[in-house]
Amino acid sequence: MRSLNLAKNGFNKIRAHHKELKQSDLEDSIKSVPPGEWCVLNHSELNGAWLCFVNSMIDEKYASIHLINFLNKSQISDFNVENHIRDVLKISFEKRQRFSGYSQGARIFYGASDGLPGLIIDQFLDKAVIQINTAGVDKFRLLIQSTVEKLINGKAYFLDNLKYREKEFLPTFECEPIPALEIEENGLRYSLRAEVIQKVGFYYDHRENRYQLMQLLGRLRVKYSSAVDLFCYAGAWGLSALNAGVESVTFVDQGNFEHEILAGLKMNDFDTRGKFVRSDVFKFLDEAIQKNQLFDMILCDPPAFAKSHLQKDQALEGYSKLHRKVMKASRPGALLVFSSCTHYVSHEEFQKNILEAAYKENKKIQLLLSGMQGWDHPVSSLSEKSNYIKCYFYLLES
């Protein structure tokens, strides 16, 4: 493998647990390094080297060096990229098998957190969906597919995100069509048609928060009759509420998910306890408020409100409008669940946004629980960028 030398600032970044470096962090130029080539990074203070691959060469100034893991001197001479990829896929898959309820459906590979930046894999019973967004991983897509199929004893499909791939100048492939996905989570069943799949399929990232919802409802000595699942997608939040005894749920999304909601209600024996409303969520809340149609539970899990840090203020403003409308549409004593998947809004900023909305609406709220992403989205600290899920459970007291 090609050997590159770290500059002092690059070495310091690694010591500070950075997972990505730039050209300025190296003493050597990477101008001649082909996109996706695997290399080792050396420094006089290292008793070994850091394994990495170089990504986008759109401009040397903006090229990324993705760190993989540290190799001692004996490992460097024997290192084989293909064997390493097989090993990390197997380790990641087996890690999910430790958790009850994750063995048939989970994110079985989570990018840099599992050792291969730009690789996301979700399992759905005997099927898996693979997304690759980095050149260093894309070179081995067929190896990854065959390895995953052996692990799940099923079929793996690619779902290439063209926007991400164009950004990294990755080629476009003719991919085998993905069939409808059957999903199991927390004892509930879901179905997703291929034409409405978002991201890599199903949002497993809130799995533990939905489990918390069911546990919480089992402990609250209140009977909730009318709930609404905003930005419902396949209906995971609302079906979880029904499973915990809520009488009826209105599922709201501007996307065409009526088939998914009706299928989910039928598969879980909730046929008469839910309905789907196709509507912009903000418009739906405005109409409910105008008609004084108040709910005693609102589950609010919108898509990301910012795609970059430049949109952060805009995202916070959007959250504020949404949270105020939710509180206006809620009865006293309502259970409110506020979620966010926006990377650029921290846990502290998100909770502050909720509290400010309550203050502006003259509402008193009690925080019952807080949550983060499921165990198949591993992180080592709350401050990591990859720790993006926020979830807060409140009682509306007044």
Protein backbone atom coordinates (compact mmCIF):
# COMPACT_ATOMS: atom_id res chain seq x y z
CA MET A 1 0.00 0.00 0.00
CA ARG A 2 1.03 3.56 -0.63
CA SER A 3 2.57 5.28 2.40
CA LEU A 4 1.86 8.93 3.27
CA ASN A 5 3.35 11.05 6.04
CA LEU A 6 1.22 12.93 8.55
CA ALA A 7 1.90 16.58 9.34
CA LYS A 8 1.94 17.58 13.00
CA ASN A 9 -1.58 19.05 12.81
CA GLY A 10 -2.86 15.84 11.20
CA PHE A 11 -1.30 13.76 13.98
CA ASN A 12 -2.92 16.03 16.58
CA LYS A 13 -6.31 15.63 14.87
CA ILE A 14 -6.03 11.86 15.09
CA ARG A 15 -5.14 12.13 18.78
CA ALA A 16 -8.29 14.25 19.19
CA HIS A 17 -10.31 11.37 17.63
CA HIS A 18 -11.00 13.00 14.25
CA LYS A 19 -12.07 10.42 11.66
CA GLU A 20 -11.44 12.50 8.56
CA LEU A 21 -8.41 14.50 7.43
CA LYS A 22 -7.62 16.94 4.60
CA GLN A 23 -4.62 17.53 2.35
CA SER A 24 -3.35 20.18 4.77
CA ASP A 25 -3.04 17.47 7.45
CA LEU A 26 -0.39 15.62 5.41
CA GLU A 27 3.21 16.36 4.53
CA ASP A 28 2.86 14.50 1.22
CA SER A 29 0.69 15.55 -1.69
CA ILE A 30 -2.24 13.31 -2.57
CA LYS A 31 -2.62 14.87 -6.00
CA SER A 32 -1.51 11.65 -7.70
CA VAL A 33 -3.50 9.31 -5.45
CA PRO A 34 -6.45 7.77 -7.36
CA PRO A 35 -9.83 8.25 -5.65
CA GLY A 36 -10.58 5.32 -3.37
CA GLU A 37 -7.01 4.09 -2.98
CA TRP A 38 -6.23 2.57 0.43
CA CYS A 39 -3.06 3.93 2.06
CA VAL A 40 -1.24 4.04 5.39
CA LEU A 41 -0.42 7.24 7.29
CA ASN A 42 2.92 7.42 9.12
CA HIS A 43 4.29 9.69 11.83
CA SER A 44 7.45 9.50 13.93
CA GLU A 45 5.41 9.26 17.14
CA LEU A 46 3.33 6.30 15.92
CA ASN A 47 4.42 2.72 16.60
CA GLY A 48 2.67 1.61 13.44
CA ALA A 49 0.44 3.43 10.95
CA TRP A 50 -3.15 4.51 10.37
CA LEU A 51 -5.09 2.74 7.64
CA CYS A 52 -7.13 5.08 5.44
CA PHE A 53 -8.49 5.65 1.98
CA VAL A 54 -8.51 8.83 -0.07
CA ASN A 55 -11.85 9.99 -1.42
CA SER A 56 -12.98 12.78 -3.76
CA MET A 57 -10.34 14.32 -6.01
CA ILE A 58 -12.57 17.11 -7.31
CA ASP A 59 -9.98 19.48 -5.95
CA GLU A 60 -6.89 18.52 -3.94
CA LYS A 61 -7.79 21.20 -1.39
CA TYR A 62 -11.11 19.52 -0.59
CA ALA A 63 -10.07 15.85 -0.88
CA SER A 64 -10.95 13.69 2.10
CA ILE A 65 -8.75 11.15 3.84
CA HIS A 66 -11.00 8.72 5.72
CA LEU A 67 -9.39 6.97 8.68
CA ILE A 68 -10.20 3.27 9.10
CA ASN A 69 -8.18 1.92 12.02
CA PHE A 70 -4.68 1.67 13.48
CA LEU A 71 -2.29 -1.05 12.33
CA ASN A 72 0.83 -2.12 14.18
CA LYS A 73 3.97 -2.86 12.17
CA SER A 74 3.33 -6.59 11.83
CA GLN A 75 -0.24 -5.99 10.62
CA ILE A 76 0.88 -3.61 7.87
CA SER A 77 2.98 -6.21 6.04
CA ASP A 78 0.19 -8.83 6.11
CA PHE A 79 -2.73 -6.49 5.43
CA ASN A 80 -5.29 -7.46 2.77
CA VAL A 81 -8.12 -5.04 1.99
CA GLU A 82 -10.64 -7.67 0.90
CA ASN A 83 -10.08 -9.80 4.00
CA HIS A 84 -10.40 -6.67 6.15
CA ILE A 85 -13.75 -5.76 4.56
CA ARG A 86 -15.10 -9.27 5.11
CA ASP A 87 -13.94 -9.16 8.73
CA VAL A 88 -15.51 -5.79 9.61
CA LEU A 89 -18.80 -6.75 7.96
CA LYS A 90 -18.93 -9.97 9.99
CA ILE A 91 -18.02 -8.20 13.23
CA SER A 92 -20.64 -5.52 12.67
CA PHE A 93 -23.34 -8.08 11.85
CA GLU A 94 -22.53 -10.21 14.89
CA LYS A 95 -22.62 -7.14 17.13
CA ARG A 96 -26.32 -6.65 16.29
CA GLN A 97 -27.04 -10.27 17.16
CA ARG A 98 -26.22 -9.50 20.81
CA PHE A 99 -29.31 -7.31 21.14
CA SER A 100 -32.73 -8.87 21.59
CA GLY A 101 -35.07 -7.88 18.76
CA TYR A 102 -32.30 -6.87 16.34
CA SER A 103 -31.50 -10.23 14.73
CA GLN A 104 -33.99 -10.03 11.82
CA GLY A 105 -34.12 -6.29 11.21
CA ALA A 106 -31.51 -3.65 11.97
CA ARG A 107 -28.88 -1.34 10.57
CA ILE A 108 -26.16 -3.95 10.27
CA PHE A 109 -23.49 -1.46 9.16
CA TYR A 110 -23.26 2.18 10.16
CA GLY A 111 -20.47 3.88 8.22
CA ALA A 112 -17.41 5.09 10.06
CA SER A 113 -18.80 3.91 13.39
CA ASP A 114 -18.45 0.32 12.16
CA GLY A 115 -15.18 0.90 10.31
CA LEU A 116 -16.01 1.76 6.69
CA PRO A 117 -16.95 5.41 6.07
CA GLY A 118 -19.72 5.84 3.51
CA LEU A 119 -21.22 2.35 3.85
CA ILE A 120 -24.77 1.93 5.18
CA ILE A 121 -26.56 -1.45 5.25
CA ASP A 122 -30.03 -2.20 6.60
CA GLN A 123 -31.43 -5.71 7.02
CA PHE A 124 -35.11 -6.55 6.49
CA LEU A 125 -35.62 -10.23 7.40
CA ASP A 126 -33.98 -12.11 4.48
CA LYS A 127 -33.25 -8.96 2.47
CA ALA A 128 -30.69 -6.16 2.87
CA VAL A 129 -30.34 -2.73 1.27
CA ILE A 130 -26.84 -1.33 0.70
CA GLN A 131 -25.88 2.30 0.14
CA ILE A 132 -22.30 3.32 -0.69
CA ASN A 133 -21.16 6.95 -0.76
CA THR A 134 -17.34 6.80 -0.78
CA ALA A 135 -14.88 5.72 -3.47
CA GLY A 136 -12.76 3.61 -1.11
CA VAL A 137 -15.77 1.40 -0.37
CA ASP A 138 -17.38 1.50 -3.81
CA LYS A 139 -14.42 -0.37 -5.33
CA PHE A 140 -15.53 -3.42 -3.37
CA ARG A 141 -19.30 -3.26 -3.86
CA LEU A 142 -19.66 -6.79 -5.26
CA LEU A 143 -17.54 -8.22 -2.45
CA ILE A 144 -19.72 -6.38 0.08
CA GLN A 145 -22.91 -7.64 -1.58
CA SER A 146 -21.82 -11.28 -1.59
CA THR A 147 -20.57 -11.10 2.00
CA VAL A 148 -23.82 -9.57 3.25
CA GLU A 149 -25.90 -12.19 1.44
CA LYS A 150 -23.99 -14.95 3.23
CA LEU A 151 -24.44 -13.21 6.60
CA ILE A 152 -28.22 -12.76 6.29
CA ASN A 153 -28.76 -15.94 4.27
CA GLY A 154 -30.76 -13.90 1.77
CA LYS A 155 -30.58 -11.28 -0.97
CA ALA A 156 -28.83 -7.87 -0.87
CA TYR A 157 -29.80 -4.92 -3.10
CA PHE A 158 -28.07 -1.62 -3.85
CA LEU A 159 -29.88 1.68 -3.34
CA ASP A 160 -27.44 4.23 -4.76
CA ASN A 161 -28.06 7.83 -3.79
CA LEU A 162 -27.23 9.64 -7.03
CA LYS A 163 -26.85 13.01 -5.32
CA TYR A 164 -24.21 11.69 -2.91
CA ARG A 165 -22.45 9.72 -5.64
CA GLU A 166 -22.29 12.67 -8.05
CA LYS A 167 -20.66 14.72 -5.30
CA GLU A 168 -17.88 12.13 -5.05
CA PHE A 169 -17.69 11.50 -8.85
CA LEU A 170 -18.72 7.87 -8.33
CA PRO A 171 -20.06 5.89 -11.31
CA THR A 172 -23.72 5.13 -11.86
CA PHE A 173 -24.73 1.46 -12.04
CA GLU A 174 -27.81 -0.32 -13.31
CA CYS A 175 -29.08 -1.77 -10.03
CA GLU A 176 -31.47 -4.68 -9.59
CA PRO A 177 -34.91 -3.37 -8.55
CA ILE A 178 -35.65 -3.58 -4.83
CA PRO A 179 -38.79 -5.56 -4.02
CA ALA A 180 -41.34 -4.57 -1.38
CA LEU A 181 -39.74 -4.82 2.06
CA GLU A 182 -41.27 -6.70 4.98
CA ILE A 183 -40.11 -5.31 8.32
CA GLU A 184 -40.28 -6.38 11.96
CA GLU A 185 -39.51 -4.08 14.89
CA ASN A 186 -40.47 -4.29 18.57
CA GLY A 187 -42.97 -7.06 17.84
CA LEU A 188 -44.75 -5.08 15.09
CA ARG A 189 -44.81 -5.70 11.35
CA TYR A 190 -44.56 -3.19 8.49
CA SER A 191 -44.48 -3.26 4.71
CA LEU A 192 -42.87 -0.77 2.31
CA ARG A 193 -43.33 -0.59 -1.45
CA ALA A 194 -40.13 0.02 -3.40
CA GLU A 195 -41.48 3.23 -4.97
CA VAL A 196 -41.91 5.00 -1.62
CA ILE A 197 -38.66 3.90 0.06
CA GLN A 198 -36.74 6.77 1.66
CA LYS A 199 -33.05 6.72 2.67
CA VAL A 200 -32.19 3.01 2.95
CA GLY A 201 -35.73 1.85 3.67
CA PHE A 202 -37.01 1.95 7.24
CA TYR A 203 -36.03 4.34 10.03
CA TYR A 204 -34.59 1.91 12.56
CA ASP A 205 -32.82 4.80 14.30
CA HIS A 206 -35.82 5.51 16.59
CA ARG A 207 -36.37 1.86 17.51
CA GLU A 208 -35.45 2.28 21.19
CA ASN A 209 -37.51 5.48 21.48
CA ARG A 210 -40.58 3.71 20.10
CA TYR A 211 -39.95 0.93 22.61
CA GLN A 212 -39.76 3.57 25.34
CA LEU A 213 -43.10 4.95 24.15
CA MET A 214 -44.77 1.57 24.62
CA GLN A 215 -43.17 1.10 28.04
CA LEU A 216 -44.20 4.60 29.14
CA LEU A 217 -47.81 4.14 28.04
CA GLY A 218 -47.92 0.93 30.02
CA ARG A 219 -46.99 2.84 33.17
CA LEU A 220 -49.15 5.93 32.75
CA ARG A 221 -52.53 5.50 34.42
CA VAL A 222 -54.24 7.43 31.65
CA LYS A 223 -56.35 6.20 28.75
CA TYR A 224 -55.39 8.00 25.55
CA SER A 225 -58.12 7.98 22.93
CA SER A 226 -56.96 10.25 20.10
CA ALA A 227 -53.35 10.34 18.93
CA VAL A 228 -51.75 11.72 15.80
CA ASP A 229 -48.55 10.49 14.15
CA LEU A 230 -47.04 13.44 12.24
CA PHE A 231 -44.64 12.80 9.32
CA CYS A 232 -45.74 9.18 9.72
CA TYR A 233 -43.97 7.44 6.78
CA ALA A 234 -44.66 3.71 7.41
CA GLY A 235 -46.47 4.50 10.67
CA ALA A 236 -43.98 3.10 13.18
CA TRP A 237 -44.72 5.64 15.92
CA GLY A 238 -48.49 5.42 15.59
CA LEU A 239 -48.57 1.62 15.43
CA SER A 240 -46.39 1.51 18.54
CA ALA A 241 -48.96 3.71 20.31
CA LEU A 242 -51.81 1.44 19.19
CA ASN A 243 -49.88 -1.59 20.39
CA ALA A 244 -49.64 0.02 23.83
CA GLY A 245 -53.39 0.57 24.09
CA VAL A 246 -54.13 3.96 22.50
CA GLU A 247 -57.65 3.79 21.06
CA SER A 248 -57.11 5.45 17.68
CA VAL A 249 -54.35 7.15 15.68
CA THR A 250 -54.48 9.56 12.76
CA PHE A 251 -51.42 9.13 10.53
CA VAL A 252 -50.37 12.28 8.66
CA ASP A 253 -47.81 12.70 5.88
CA GLN A 254 -47.60 14.66 2.64
CA GLY A 255 -46.23 11.52 0.96
CA ASN A 256 -48.45 8.81 -0.51
CA PHE A 257 -48.21 6.28 2.34
CA GLU A 258 -51.86 5.25 2.62
CA HIS A 259 -51.04 1.75 1.35
CA GLU A 260 -48.30 1.35 3.98
CA ILE A 261 -50.51 2.60 6.82
CA LEU A 262 -53.50 0.42 5.90
CA ALA A 263 -51.22 -2.59 5.47
CA GLY A 264 -49.59 -1.95 8.84
CA LEU A 265 -52.97 -1.62 10.56
CA LYS A 266 -54.15 -4.88 9.01
CA MET A 267 -50.98 -6.88 9.66
CA ASN A 268 -51.03 -5.92 13.34
CA ASP A 269 -54.79 -6.39 13.85
CA PHE A 270 -55.54 -2.67 14.29
CA ASP A 271 -57.82 -2.42 11.23
CA THR A 272 -60.50 -0.16 12.74
CA ARG A 273 -58.24 1.96 14.94
CA GLY A 274 -56.41 4.19 12.49
CA LYS A 275 -56.70 6.32 9.37
CA PHE A 276 -54.30 8.06 7.00
CA VAL A 277 -54.52 11.74 6.06
CA ARG A 278 -52.36 12.93 3.19
CA SER A 279 -51.51 16.51 4.04
CA ASP A 280 -48.75 18.97 4.74
CA VAL A 281 -48.25 18.61 8.50
CA PHE A 282 -48.21 22.34 9.21
CA LYS A 283 -51.47 22.76 7.28
CA PHE A 284 -53.02 19.80 9.11
CA LEU A 285 -52.16 21.33 12.49
CA ASP A 286 -53.47 24.75 11.47
CA GLU A 287 -56.81 23.24 10.43
CA ALA A 288 -57.05 21.19 13.64
CA ILE A 289 -56.37 24.29 15.75
CA GLN A 290 -58.91 26.34 13.79
CA LYS A 291 -61.58 23.63 14.32
CA ASN A 292 -60.55 23.19 17.98
CA GLN A 293 -59.86 19.53 17.18
CA LEU A 294 -57.40 18.77 19.97
CA PHE A 295 -55.44 15.55 20.52
CA ASP A 296 -54.35 13.88 23.73
CA MET A 297 -51.16 12.50 22.18
CA ILE A 298 -48.98 13.91 19.40
CA LEU A 299 -45.99 12.02 18.00
CA CYS A 300 -43.79 14.37 15.99
CA ASP A 301 -40.85 12.93 14.03
CA PRO A 302 -40.10 15.20 11.05
CA PRO A 303 -37.36 14.70 8.44
CA ALA A 304 -34.14 16.67 8.81
CA PHE A 305 -34.74 20.41 8.66
CA ALA A 306 -31.14 21.26 7.62
CA LYS A 307 -28.77 19.65 5.12
CA SER A 308 -25.78 21.77 6.18
CA HIS A 309 -24.69 23.95 9.10
CA LEU A 310 -25.58 27.01 6.98
CA GLN A 311 -29.27 26.06 7.35
CA LYS A 312 -29.14 25.62 11.12
CA ASP A 313 -30.96 28.88 12.00
CA GLN A 314 -33.62 28.09 9.41
CA ALA A 315 -34.03 24.62 10.94
CA LEU A 316 -34.44 26.00 14.47
CA GLU A 317 -37.07 28.44 13.21
CA GLY A 318 -38.92 25.56 11.56
CA TYR A 319 -38.82 23.51 14.74
CA SER A 320 -40.13 26.46 16.74
CA LYS A 321 -43.14 26.89 14.44
CA LEU A 322 -43.83 23.16 14.51
CA HIS A 323 -43.52 22.78 18.27
CA ARG A 324 -45.81 25.75 18.95
CA LYS A 325 -48.47 24.35 16.62
CA VAL A 326 -48.22 20.92 18.29
CA MET A 327 -48.82 22.49 21.69
CA LYS A 328 -51.77 24.49 20.41
CA ALA A 329 -53.33 21.31 19.01
CA SER A 330 -52.94 19.39 22.30
CA ARG A 331 -55.34 18.94 25.20
CA PRO A 332 -54.17 19.58 28.77
CA GLY A 333 -52.56 16.38 30.02
CA ALA A 334 -51.47 15.34 26.52
CA LEU A 335 -48.39 13.22 25.94
CA LEU A 336 -46.06 14.90 23.44
CA VAL A 337 -43.08 13.24 21.77
CA PHE A 338 -40.70 15.57 19.92
CA SER A 339 -37.98 14.09 17.71
CA SER A 340 -35.21 15.40 15.48
CA CYS A 341 -32.76 13.78 13.07
CA THR A 342 -31.03 17.05 12.09
CA HIS A 343 -27.26 16.55 12.50
CA TYR A 344 -26.55 20.25 12.91
CA VAL A 345 -28.93 20.80 15.84
CA SER A 346 -27.56 19.55 19.17
CA HIS A 347 -29.50 17.88 21.98
CA GLU A 348 -29.22 21.07 24.03
CA GLU A 349 -30.40 23.30 21.19
CA PHE A 350 -33.33 21.03 20.39
CA GLN A 351 -34.56 20.86 23.97
CA LYS A 352 -34.14 24.62 24.38
CA ASN A 353 -36.28 25.06 21.26
CA ILE A 354 -39.07 22.98 22.82
CA LEU A 355 -38.93 24.88 26.10
CA GLU A 356 -39.06 28.24 24.32
CA ALA A 357 -42.09 27.08 22.31
CA ALA A 358 -43.86 26.12 25.56
CA TYR A 359 -43.01 29.50 27.08
CA LYS A 360 -44.37 31.38 24.05
CA GLU A 361 -47.59 29.35 24.16
CA ASN A 362 -47.90 29.80 27.93
CA LYS A 363 -47.76 26.03 28.44
CA LYS A 364 -46.18 24.12 31.30
CA ILE A 365 -44.51 20.85 30.34
CA GLN A 366 -42.90 18.06 32.31
CA LEU A 367 -40.00 16.10 30.81
CA LEU A 368 -40.55 12.37 31.36
CA LEU A 369 -37.93 10.69 29.20
CA SER A 370 -35.17 11.48 26.73
CA GLY A 371 -33.84 9.21 24.01
CA MET A 372 -31.19 8.82 21.33
CA GLN A 373 -30.62 6.48 18.42
CA GLY A 374 -30.91 2.70 18.58
CA TRP A 375 -28.05 0.37 19.41
CA ASP A 376 -27.57 -0.52 15.74
CA HIS A 377 -26.41 3.11 15.21
CA PRO A 378 -23.36 2.90 17.52
CA VAL A 379 -21.66 5.97 18.97
CA SER A 380 -19.07 6.36 21.73
CA SER A 381 -20.24 9.74 23.05
CA LEU A 382 -23.18 12.14 22.94
CA SER A 383 -21.03 14.76 21.24
CA GLU A 384 -20.20 12.66 18.16
CA LYS A 385 -21.50 13.96 14.85
CA SER A 386 -22.89 10.51 14.11
CA ASN A 387 -25.09 10.79 17.24
CA TYR A 388 -27.85 12.64 15.42
CA ILE A 389 -31.15 11.39 16.88
CA LYS A 390 -32.88 13.44 19.60
CA CYS A 391 -36.14 12.45 21.28
CA TYR A 392 -37.98 13.97 24.26
CA PHE A 393 -41.20 12.81 25.94
CA TYR A 394 -43.30 15.45 27.73
CA LEU A 395 -46.56 15.77 29.60
CA LEU A 396 -48.45 18.95 28.77
CA GLU A 397 -49.62 20.11 32.20
CA SER A 398 -51.55 23.23 31.27
